[in-house]
Amino acid sequence: MDAQPPKNLHPRAATSDAEVLAVETAVQARAHPPRVSVITACGNDASSIDRCVASVAAQTHPDTEHVVVLMQSRDDTLQHLLDQQQRLTIVFAAAHDNLAQAWNRGLKQASGEVIGFLDPHDRFVHPDVLSQVATAFHDPWLSALYGDRLRANAAPHTDPRIRRTGAFTRQRLRWGWSPPLNTLFVRRLWLERIGGFSAQLKVAADYDATLSLFSQPFFNALYQPEPLVTQASRPWHWQRLQQLLLSPAEELHALRRAELGGLGALFCRYATQFAQTLR
């Protein structure tokens, strides 16, 4: 278990910015039940966005917000969003925004104390996911919660596979481990503390942000060992080729920026990902 700040700590007794942040988080958590904001960045996703929006709308947690950031799109994704605008908040990205910039726009618009991210092809596994998340965040010292995901196969009539994330340790970060962003829920104070997502990274901003978060002093994350999200297989697109080409350099940059290793950690990360595809 990672170090937690003493529960009797008073803001005036805090000796570091991290301790002050922990105290402010505790006070905020005791004041009211948390609103959960889910951010989705999409573009050219007309075939899947309806299921994503319906999945968030079906959640039983009464204080839920869905912020959808529309990036450049050549199909009728916008019309699908307008047809359901009573269920969500629509934010328009700039013409050349990358995914990190779109997430930052969504974060700026979101009003929730707890922030989650859901890709347009994904959906929550059941209607009580956000209720479980909100209940966990009644713990004033909880910084983040993450879980597993179901990976739906492309082949029809096949069962989805559970991708286990596993419990967090500092050493696992050095081996290239990170929780998938679509299963991670974070108090917005911590996202603001790291400055959101790095706009300089085109394909690995999520990895960079999770490394920054989990490296923070007093960052207390809870692993919930059950699937929270069903992640659908992505259709092939030229942008996936760009991701394959850019990911190694950007992920290596993220590891070095967080002072968590270099090529060895990156090799372990890819070896783990390859092993998962064989299961």
C-alpha atoms as a PDB file:
ATOM      1  CA  MET A   1       0.000   0.000   0.000  1.00  0.00           C
ATOM      2  CA  ASP A   2       1.402   3.374  -0.981  1.00  0.00           C
ATOM      3  CA  ALA A   3       1.904   6.049   1.642  1.00  0.00           C
ATOM      4  CA  GLN A   4      -1.183   8.077   2.576  1.00  0.00           C
ATOM      5  CA  PRO A   5      -1.244  11.423   4.337  1.00  0.00           C
ATOM      6  CA  PRO A   6      -2.148  11.338   8.020  1.00  0.00           C
ATOM      7  CA  LYS A   7      -5.900  11.593   8.444  1.00  0.00           C
ATOM      8  CA  ASN A   8      -5.649  14.292  11.102  1.00  0.00           C
ATOM      9  CA  LEU A   9      -3.602  16.561   8.865  1.00  0.00           C
ATOM     10  CA  HIS A  10      -4.815  20.161   8.817  1.00  0.00           C
ATOM     11  CA  PRO A  11      -4.120  22.449   5.834  1.00  0.00           C
ATOM     12  CA  ARG A  12      -1.994  24.756   7.966  1.00  0.00           C
ATOM     13  CA  ALA A  13       0.102  21.778   9.064  1.00  0.00           C
ATOM     14  CA  ALA A  14       0.772  20.591   5.525  1.00  0.00           C
ATOM     15  CA  THR A  15       4.449  20.737   4.624  1.00  0.00           C
ATOM     16  CA  SER A  16       4.218  20.273   0.851  1.00  0.00           C
ATOM     17  CA  ASP A  17       1.971  21.005  -2.096  1.00  0.00           C
ATOM     18  CA  ALA A  18       1.059  17.303  -2.231  1.00  0.00           C
ATOM     19  CA  GLU A  19      -0.136  17.354   1.376  1.00  0.00           C
ATOM     20  CA  VAL A  20      -2.164  20.522   0.780  1.00  0.00           C
ATOM     21  CA  LEU A  21      -3.788  18.893  -2.245  1.00  0.00           C
ATOM     22  CA  ALA A  22      -4.591  15.784  -0.220  1.00  0.00           C
ATOM     23  CA  VAL A  23      -6.252  17.844   2.504  1.00  0.00           C
ATOM     24  CA  GLU A  24      -8.259  19.911   0.009  1.00  0.00           C
ATOM     25  CA  THR A  25      -9.418  16.690  -1.649  1.00  0.00           C
ATOM     26  CA  ALA A  26     -10.498  15.276   1.711  1.00  0.00           C
ATOM     27  CA  VAL A  27     -12.515  18.361   2.579  1.00  0.00           C
ATOM     28  CA  GLN A  28     -14.196  18.355  -0.820  1.00  0.00           C
ATOM     29  CA  ALA A  29     -15.030  14.651  -0.618  1.00  0.00           C
ATOM     30  CA  ARG A  30     -16.735  15.033   2.753  1.00  0.00           C
ATOM     31  CA  ALA A  31     -18.801  17.997   1.599  1.00  0.00           C
ATOM     32  CA  HIS A  32     -21.019  16.294  -0.994  1.00  0.00           C
ATOM     33  CA  PRO A  33     -21.432  13.091  -3.017  1.00  0.00           C
ATOM     34  CA  PRO A  34     -19.270  13.325  -6.113  1.00  0.00           C
ATOM     35  CA  ARG A  35     -20.515  14.179  -9.564  1.00  0.00           C
ATOM     36  CA  VAL A  36     -18.909  11.892 -12.154  1.00  0.00           C
ATOM     37  CA  SER A  37     -18.087  13.418 -15.540  1.00  0.00           C
ATOM     38  CA  VAL A  38     -17.357  11.093 -18.457  1.00  0.00           C
ATOM     39  CA  ILE A  39     -15.380  12.584 -21.360  1.00  0.00           C
ATOM     40  CA  THR A  40     -15.560  11.121 -24.870  1.00  0.00           C
ATOM     41  CA  ALA A  41     -13.544  12.461 -27.801  1.00  0.00           C
ATOM     42  CA  CYS A  42     -14.921  11.340 -31.147  1.00  0.00           C
ATOM     43  CA  GLY A  43     -14.802  11.932 -34.884  1.00  0.00           C
ATOM     44  CA  ASN A  44     -15.989   9.765 -37.781  1.00  0.00           C
ATOM     45  CA  ASP A  45     -17.725   7.559 -35.215  1.00  0.00           C
ATOM     46  CA  ALA A  46     -21.329   7.620 -36.428  1.00  0.00           C
ATOM     47  CA  SER A  47     -21.489   3.821 -36.347  1.00  0.00           C
ATOM     48  CA  SER A  48     -20.641   3.549 -32.656  1.00  0.00           C
ATOM     49  CA  ILE A  49     -21.335   6.809 -30.823  1.00  0.00           C
ATOM     50  CA  ASP A  50     -25.010   6.015 -30.164  1.00  0.00           C
ATOM     51  CA  ARG A  51     -24.094   2.933 -28.123  1.00  0.00           C
ATOM     52  CA  CYS A  52     -21.496   4.889 -26.177  1.00  0.00           C
ATOM     53  CA  VAL A  53     -23.931   7.699 -25.315  1.00  0.00           C
ATOM     54  CA  ALA A  54     -26.667   5.211 -24.390  1.00  0.00           C
ATOM     55  CA  SER A  55     -24.248   3.379 -22.096  1.00  0.00           C
ATOM     56  CA  VAL A  56     -23.528   6.552 -20.106  1.00  0.00           C
ATOM     57  CA  ALA A  57     -27.182   7.618 -20.089  1.00  0.00           C
ATOM     58  CA  ALA A  58     -28.178   4.227 -18.655  1.00  0.00           C
ATOM     59  CA  GLN A  59     -25.995   4.637 -15.560  1.00  0.00           C
ATOM     60  CA  THR A  60     -27.902   4.617 -12.282  1.00  0.00           C
ATOM     61  CA  HIS A  61     -25.678   7.162 -10.531  1.00  0.00           C
ATOM     62  CA  PRO A  62     -27.934  10.242 -10.288  1.00  0.00           C
ATOM     63  CA  ASP A  63     -25.211  12.861 -10.722  1.00  0.00           C
ATOM     64  CA  THR A  64     -23.577  11.934 -14.012  1.00  0.00           C
ATOM     65  CA  GLU A  65     -22.369  14.203 -16.799  1.00  0.00           C
ATOM     66  CA  HIS A  66     -21.312  13.163 -20.303  1.00  0.00           C
ATOM     67  CA  VAL A  67     -19.079  15.601 -22.186  1.00  0.00           C
ATOM     68  CA  VAL A  68     -18.519  14.686 -25.846  1.00  0.00           C
ATOM     69  CA  VAL A  69     -15.789  16.499 -27.755  1.00  0.00           C
ATOM     70  CA  LEU A  70     -16.334  16.400 -31.516  1.00  0.00           C
ATOM     71  CA  MET A  71     -13.122  16.401 -33.519  1.00  0.00           C
ATOM     72  CA  GLN A  72     -12.849  16.666 -37.287  1.00  0.00           C
ATOM     73  CA  SER A  73     -15.445  14.365 -38.799  1.00  0.00           C
ATOM     74  CA  ARG A  74     -16.464  13.558 -42.346  1.00  0.00           C
ATOM     75  CA  ASP A  75     -19.510  11.434 -41.505  1.00  0.00           C
ATOM     76  CA  ASP A  76     -22.743  12.316 -39.675  1.00  0.00           C
ATOM     77  CA  THR A  77     -21.379  11.933 -36.132  1.00  0.00           C
ATOM     78  CA  LEU A  78     -22.553  15.476 -35.353  1.00  0.00           C
ATOM     79  CA  GLN A  79     -26.137  14.661 -36.321  1.00  0.00           C
ATOM     80  CA  HIS A  80     -26.089  11.615 -34.052  1.00  0.00           C
ATOM     81  CA  LEU A  81     -24.922  13.841 -31.187  1.00  0.00           C
ATOM     82  CA  LEU A  82     -27.520  16.520 -31.896  1.00  0.00           C
ATOM     83  CA  ASP A  83     -30.247  13.869 -31.850  1.00  0.00           C
ATOM     84  CA  GLN A  84     -29.214  13.068 -28.248  1.00  0.00           C
ATOM     85  CA  GLN A  85     -28.079  16.472 -27.037  1.00  0.00           C
ATOM     86  CA  GLN A  86     -30.409  16.340 -24.013  1.00  0.00           C
ATOM     87  CA  ARG A  87     -28.215  13.486 -22.712  1.00  0.00           C
ATOM     88  CA  LEU A  88     -24.848  15.188 -23.087  1.00  0.00           C
ATOM     89  CA  THR A  89     -22.772  18.327 -23.457  1.00  0.00           C
ATOM     90  CA  ILE A  90     -21.234  18.808 -26.902  1.00  0.00           C
ATOM     91  CA  VAL A  91     -17.868  20.561 -27.215  1.00  0.00           C
ATOM     92  CA  PHE A  92     -16.348  21.382 -30.603  1.00  0.00           C
ATOM     93  CA  ALA A  93     -12.622  20.840 -31.000  1.00  0.00           C
ATOM     94  CA  ALA A  94     -10.489  23.128 -33.128  1.00  0.00           C
ATOM     95  CA  ALA A  95      -9.765  22.039 -36.677  1.00  0.00           C
ATOM     96  CA  HIS A  96      -6.314  20.630 -35.968  1.00  0.00           C
ATOM     97  CA  ASP A  97      -6.721  19.453 -32.373  1.00  0.00           C
ATOM     98  CA  ASN A  98      -5.129  16.131 -31.543  1.00  0.00           C
ATOM     99  CA  LEU A  99      -6.640  13.693 -29.055  1.00  0.00           C
ATOM    100  CA  ALA A 100      -4.826  15.208 -26.069  1.00  0.00           C
ATOM    101  CA  GLN A 101      -6.139  18.669 -26.895  1.00  0.00           C
ATOM    102  CA  ALA A 102      -9.653  17.287 -27.290  1.00  0.00           C
ATOM    103  CA  TRP A 103      -9.464  15.625 -23.867  1.00  0.00           C
ATOM    104  CA  ASN A 104      -8.223  18.897 -22.361  1.00  0.00           C
ATOM    105  CA  ARG A 105     -11.198  20.732 -23.873  1.00  0.00           C
ATOM    106  CA  GLY A 106     -13.513  18.159 -22.342  1.00  0.00           C
ATOM    107  CA  LEU A 107     -11.789  18.452 -18.979  1.00  0.00           C
ATOM    108  CA  LYS A 108     -12.186  22.230 -19.059  1.00  0.00           C
ATOM    109  CA  GLN A 109     -15.907  21.873 -19.777  1.00  0.00           C
ATOM    110  CA  ALA A 110     -16.597  19.071 -17.290  1.00  0.00           C
ATOM    111  CA  SER A 111     -18.021  20.037 -13.895  1.00  0.00           C
ATOM    112  CA  GLY A 112     -17.580  16.736 -12.056  1.00  0.00           C
ATOM    113  CA  GLU A 113     -15.285  16.131  -9.124  1.00  0.00           C
ATOM    114  CA  VAL A 114     -14.470  12.698 -10.545  1.00  0.00           C
ATOM    115  CA  ILE A 115     -13.398  12.383 -14.186  1.00  0.00           C
ATOM    116  CA  GLY A 116     -13.511   9.316 -16.426  1.00  0.00           C
ATOM    117  CA  PHE A 117     -12.806   8.772 -20.112  1.00  0.00           C
ATOM    118  CA  LEU A 118     -14.767   6.555 -22.476  1.00  0.00           C
ATOM    119  CA  ASP A 119     -13.819   5.954 -26.097  1.00  0.00           C
ATOM    120  CA  PRO A 120     -16.627   6.191 -28.680  1.00  0.00           C
ATOM    121  CA  HIS A 121     -16.363   2.458 -29.466  1.00  0.00           C
ATOM    122  CA  ASP A 122     -16.612   1.446 -25.792  1.00  0.00           C
ATOM    123  CA  ARG A 123     -19.399   1.073 -23.264  1.00  0.00           C
ATOM    124  CA  PHE A 124     -19.764   0.381 -19.561  1.00  0.00           C
ATOM    125  CA  VAL A 125     -20.325  -3.278 -18.712  1.00  0.00           C
ATOM    126  CA  HIS A 126     -23.436  -2.611 -16.601  1.00  0.00           C
ATOM    127  CA  PRO A 127     -25.587   0.347 -15.436  1.00  0.00           C
ATOM    128  CA  ASP A 128     -24.102   0.475 -11.923  1.00  0.00           C
ATOM    129  CA  VAL A 129     -20.471   1.145 -12.848  1.00  0.00           C
ATOM    130  CA  LEU A 130     -20.573   4.862 -12.051  1.00  0.00           C
ATOM    131  CA  SER A 131     -22.553   4.251  -8.852  1.00  0.00           C
ATOM    132  CA  GLN A 132     -19.769   1.942  -7.694  1.00  0.00           C
ATOM    133  CA  VAL A 133     -17.190   4.544  -8.651  1.00  0.00           C
ATOM    134  CA  ALA A 134     -19.015   7.330  -6.788  1.00  0.00           C
ATOM    135  CA  THR A 135     -19.380   5.149  -3.687  1.00  0.00           C
ATOM    136  CA  ALA A 136     -15.654   4.422  -3.666  1.00  0.00           C
ATOM    137  CA  PHE A 137     -14.858   8.137  -3.896  1.00  0.00           C
ATOM    138  CA  HIS A 138     -16.654   8.791  -0.622  1.00  0.00           C
ATOM    139  CA  ASP A 139     -13.272   7.803   0.802  1.00  0.00           C
ATOM    140  CA  PRO A 140     -11.707  11.267   1.218  1.00  0.00           C
ATOM    141  CA  TRP A 141      -8.189   9.967   0.589  1.00  0.00           C
ATOM    142  CA  LEU A 142      -8.964   8.160  -2.652  1.00  0.00           C
ATOM    143  CA  SER A 143      -7.276   9.801  -5.653  1.00  0.00           C
ATOM    144  CA  ALA A 144      -8.244   7.343  -8.385  1.00  0.00           C
ATOM    145  CA  LEU A 145     -10.021   4.094  -9.103  1.00  0.00           C
ATOM    146  CA  TYR A 146      -9.355   1.742 -11.994  1.00  0.00           C
ATOM    147  CA  GLY A 147     -10.434  -1.730 -13.064  1.00  0.00           C
ATOM    148  CA  ASP A 148     -10.319  -4.316 -15.811  1.00  0.00           C
ATOM    149  CA  ARG A 149     -11.807  -4.300 -19.285  1.00  0.00           C
ATOM    150  CA  LEU A 150     -13.585  -6.747 -21.512  1.00  0.00           C
ATOM    151  CA  ARG A 151     -11.992  -6.914 -24.930  1.00  0.00           C
ATOM    152  CA  ALA A 152     -14.641  -7.805 -27.493  1.00  0.00           C
ATOM    153  CA  ASN A 153     -13.304  -9.900 -30.340  1.00  0.00           C
ATOM    154  CA  ALA A 154     -13.846  -8.942 -33.929  1.00  0.00           C
ATOM    155  CA  ALA A 155     -15.150 -12.427 -34.761  1.00  0.00           C
ATOM    156  CA  PRO A 156     -18.923 -12.825 -34.243  1.00  0.00           C
ATOM    157  CA  HIS A 157     -20.357 -15.223 -31.650  1.00  0.00           C
ATOM    158  CA  THR A 158     -17.178 -15.259 -29.567  1.00  0.00           C
ATOM    159  CA  ASP A 159     -16.931 -14.385 -25.896  1.00  0.00           C
ATOM    160  CA  PRO A 160     -15.096 -11.193 -24.897  1.00  0.00           C
ATOM    161  CA  ARG A 161     -11.849 -11.661 -23.035  1.00  0.00           C
ATOM    162  CA  ILE A 162     -11.049 -10.041 -19.711  1.00  0.00           C
ATOM    163  CA  ARG A 163      -7.899  -7.939 -19.739  1.00  0.00           C
ATOM    164  CA  ARG A 164      -6.652  -7.839 -16.162  1.00  0.00           C
ATOM    165  CA  THR A 165      -4.972  -4.595 -15.156  1.00  0.00           C
ATOM    166  CA  GLY A 166      -3.618  -5.684 -11.785  1.00  0.00           C
ATOM    167  CA  ALA A 167      -2.753  -3.786  -8.638  1.00  0.00           C
ATOM    168  CA  PHE A 168      -0.487  -0.759  -8.782  1.00  0.00           C
ATOM    169  CA  THR A 169       3.048  -0.723  -7.440  1.00  0.00           C
ATOM    170  CA  ARG A 170       5.846   1.729  -8.155  1.00  0.00           C
ATOM    171  CA  GLN A 171       7.957  -1.107  -9.487  1.00  0.00           C
ATOM    172  CA  ARG A 172       5.306  -2.067 -12.041  1.00  0.00           C
ATOM    173  CA  LEU A 173       5.414   1.483 -13.389  1.00  0.00           C
ATOM    174  CA  ARG A 174       9.109   0.894 -14.049  1.00  0.00           C
ATOM    175  CA  TRP A 175       8.177  -2.241 -16.003  1.00  0.00           C
ATOM    176  CA  GLY A 176       5.945  -0.257 -18.358  1.00  0.00           C
ATOM    177  CA  TRP A 177       2.636  -0.913 -16.555  1.00  0.00           C
ATOM    178  CA  SER A 178      -0.220   1.583 -16.679  1.00  0.00           C
ATOM    179  CA  PRO A 179      -3.994   1.311 -16.282  1.00  0.00           C
ATOM    180  CA  PRO A 180      -6.033   1.793 -19.470  1.00  0.00           C
ATOM    181  CA  LEU A 181      -7.467   5.295 -19.566  1.00  0.00           C
ATOM    182  CA  ASN A 182     -10.970   3.983 -20.300  1.00  0.00           C
ATOM    183  CA  THR A 183     -11.042   2.140 -16.953  1.00  0.00           C
ATOM    184  CA  LEU A 184      -9.514   4.996 -14.913  1.00  0.00           C
ATOM    185  CA  PHE A 185     -11.470   7.499 -12.804  1.00  0.00           C
ATOM    186  CA  VAL A 186      -9.525  10.358 -11.217  1.00  0.00           C
ATOM    187  CA  ARG A 187     -10.332  13.267  -8.939  1.00  0.00           C
ATOM    188  CA  ARG A 188     -10.099  16.308 -11.172  1.00  0.00           C
ATOM    189  CA  LEU A 189      -7.777  18.036  -8.665  1.00  0.00           C
ATOM    190  CA  TRP A 190      -5.072  15.550  -9.577  1.00  0.00           C
ATOM    191  CA  LEU A 191      -5.595  15.984 -13.323  1.00  0.00           C
ATOM    192  CA  GLU A 192      -5.344  19.729 -12.862  1.00  0.00           C
ATOM    193  CA  ARG A 193      -2.207  19.271 -10.790  1.00  0.00           C
ATOM    194  CA  ILE A 194      -0.371  17.550 -13.673  1.00  0.00           C
ATOM    195  CA  GLY A 195      -1.697  20.092 -16.173  1.00  0.00           C
ATOM    196  CA  GLY A 196      -4.002  17.714 -18.028  1.00  0.00           C
ATOM    197  CA  PHE A 197      -2.718  15.951 -21.141  1.00  0.00           C
ATOM    198  CA  SER A 198       0.425  16.927 -23.032  1.00  0.00           C
ATOM    199  CA  ALA A 199      -0.614  18.439 -26.360  1.00  0.00           C
ATOM    200  CA  GLN A 200       2.864  17.714 -27.742  1.00  0.00           C
ATOM    201  CA  LEU A 201       2.130  13.975 -27.742  1.00  0.00           C
ATOM    202  CA  LYS A 202      -0.056  12.798 -30.597  1.00  0.00           C
ATOM    203  CA  VAL A 203      -0.642   9.162 -29.612  1.00  0.00           C
ATOM    204  CA  ALA A 204       0.737   8.566 -26.097  1.00  0.00           C
ATOM    205  CA  ALA A 205      -0.732  11.456 -24.095  1.00  0.00           C
ATOM    206  CA  ASP A 206      -2.839   9.022 -22.063  1.00  0.00           C
ATOM    207  CA  TYR A 207       0.211   6.952 -21.088  1.00  0.00           C
ATOM    208  CA  ASP A 208       2.155  10.092 -20.216  1.00  0.00           C
ATOM    209  CA  ALA A 209      -0.680  11.369 -18.021  1.00  0.00           C
ATOM    210  CA  THR A 210      -1.141   8.094 -16.141  1.00  0.00           C
ATOM    211  CA  LEU A 211       2.587   7.877 -15.432  1.00  0.00           C
ATOM    212  CA  SER A 212       2.550  11.453 -14.146  1.00  0.00           C
ATOM    213  CA  LEU A 213      -0.464  10.769 -11.935  1.00  0.00           C
ATOM    214  CA  PHE A 214       0.758   7.516 -10.431  1.00  0.00           C
ATOM    215  CA  SER A 215       4.165   9.067  -9.721  1.00  0.00           C
ATOM    216  CA  GLN A 216       2.695  11.843  -7.554  1.00  0.00           C
ATOM    217  CA  PRO A 217       3.341  11.766  -3.784  1.00  0.00           C
ATOM    218  CA  PHE A 218       0.261  10.621  -1.836  1.00  0.00           C
ATOM    219  CA  PHE A 219      -1.538   9.534  -5.014  1.00  0.00           C
ATOM    220  CA  ASN A 220      -3.789   6.791  -3.636  1.00  0.00           C
ATOM    221  CA  ALA A 221      -5.288   4.531  -6.310  1.00  0.00           C
ATOM    222  CA  LEU A 222      -7.745   1.678  -5.742  1.00  0.00           C
ATOM    223  CA  TYR A 223      -7.786  -1.323  -8.059  1.00  0.00           C
ATOM    224  CA  GLN A 224     -11.246  -2.843  -8.546  1.00  0.00           C
ATOM    225  CA  PRO A 225     -10.603  -6.351  -9.924  1.00  0.00           C
ATOM    226  CA  GLU A 226     -13.580  -6.605 -12.234  1.00  0.00           C
ATOM    227  CA  PRO A 227     -14.394  -5.364 -15.740  1.00  0.00           C
ATOM    228  CA  LEU A 228     -15.727  -1.810 -15.894  1.00  0.00           C
ATOM    229  CA  VAL A 229     -15.702  -1.279 -19.663  1.00  0.00           C
ATOM    230  CA  THR A 230     -16.296  -3.347 -22.778  1.00  0.00           C
ATOM    231  CA  GLN A 231     -13.714  -2.275 -25.333  1.00  0.00           C
ATOM    232  CA  ALA A 232     -14.730  -3.041 -28.888  1.00  0.00           C
ATOM    233  CA  SER A 233     -12.303  -3.912 -31.646  1.00  0.00           C
ATOM    234  CA  ARG A 234     -11.357  -0.810 -33.598  1.00  0.00           C
ATOM    235  CA  PRO A 235     -11.830  -0.704 -37.368  1.00  0.00           C
ATOM    236  CA  TRP A 236      -8.581  -0.350 -39.269  1.00  0.00           C
ATOM    237  CA  HIS A 237      -7.667   3.210 -40.190  1.00  0.00           C
ATOM    238  CA  TRP A 238      -4.526   4.929 -41.392  1.00  0.00           C
ATOM    239  CA  GLN A 239      -4.299   6.685 -38.030  1.00  0.00           C
ATOM    240  CA  ARG A 240      -3.607   3.309 -36.405  1.00  0.00           C
ATOM    241  CA  LEU A 241      -0.507   3.028 -38.579  1.00  0.00           C
ATOM    242  CA  GLN A 242       0.546   6.475 -37.367  1.00  0.00           C
ATOM    243  CA  GLN A 243       0.017   5.300 -33.803  1.00  0.00           C
ATOM    244  CA  LEU A 244       2.188   2.218 -34.325  1.00  0.00           C
ATOM    245  CA  LEU A 245       4.973   4.353 -35.749  1.00  0.00           C
ATOM    246  CA  LEU A 246       4.874   7.142 -33.152  1.00  0.00           C
ATOM    247  CA  SER A 247       4.078   5.170 -29.984  1.00  0.00           C
ATOM    248  CA  PRO A 248       7.591   3.879 -29.151  1.00  0.00           C
ATOM    249  CA  ALA A 249       9.225   7.310 -29.225  1.00  0.00           C
ATOM    250  CA  GLU A 250       6.414   9.042 -27.368  1.00  0.00           C
ATOM    251  CA  GLU A 251       6.099   6.333 -24.704  1.00  0.00           C
ATOM    252  CA  LEU A 252       9.855   6.370 -24.175  1.00  0.00           C
ATOM    253  CA  HIS A 253       9.632  10.150 -23.735  1.00  0.00           C
ATOM    254  CA  ALA A 254       6.854   9.655 -21.144  1.00  0.00           C
ATOM    255  CA  LEU A 255       8.909   7.101 -19.182  1.00  0.00           C
ATOM    256  CA  ARG A 256      11.948   9.338 -19.100  1.00  0.00           C
ATOM    257  CA  ARG A 257       9.953  12.436 -18.193  1.00  0.00           C
ATOM    258  CA  ALA A 258       8.484  10.578 -15.203  1.00  0.00           C
ATOM    259  CA  GLU A 259      11.976   9.237 -14.344  1.00  0.00           C
ATOM    260  CA  LEU A 260      10.679   5.670 -14.481  1.00  0.00           C
ATOM    261  CA  GLY A 261      13.160   4.103 -16.874  1.00  0.00           C
ATOM    262  CA  GLY A 262      13.970   3.897 -20.532  1.00  0.00           C
ATOM    263  CA  LEU A 263      14.296   1.241 -23.217  1.00  0.00           C
ATOM    264  CA  GLY A 264      14.132  -1.635 -20.728  1.00  0.00           C
ATOM    265  CA  ALA A 265      10.800  -0.476 -19.344  1.00  0.00           C
ATOM    266  CA  LEU A 266       9.487   0.071 -22.863  1.00  0.00           C
ATOM    267  CA  PHE A 267      10.527  -3.467 -23.871  1.00  0.00           C
ATOM    268  CA  CYS A 268       8.722  -4.910 -20.822  1.00  0.00           C
ATOM    269  CA  ARG A 269       5.619  -2.908 -21.714  1.00  0.00           C
ATOM    270  CA  TYR A 270       5.472  -4.253 -25.252  1.00  0.00           C
ATOM    271  CA  ALA A 271       6.284  -7.793 -24.142  1.00  0.00           C
ATOM    272  CA  THR A 272       3.355  -7.694 -21.715  1.00  0.00           C
ATOM    273  CA  GLN A 273       1.014  -6.335 -24.364  1.00  0.00           C
ATOM    274  CA  PHE A 274       2.088  -9.040 -26.823  1.00  0.00           C
ATOM    275  CA  ALA A 275       1.545 -11.762 -24.206  1.00  0.00           C
ATOM    276  CA  GLN A 276      -1.985 -10.484 -23.616  1.00  0.00           C
ATOM    277  CA  THR A 277      -2.831 -10.836 -27.306  1.00  0.00           C
ATOM    278  CA  LEU A 278      -1.921 -14.532 -27.121  1.00  0.00           C
ATOM    279  CA  ARG A 279      -4.327 -15.319 -24.294  1.00  0.00           C
END
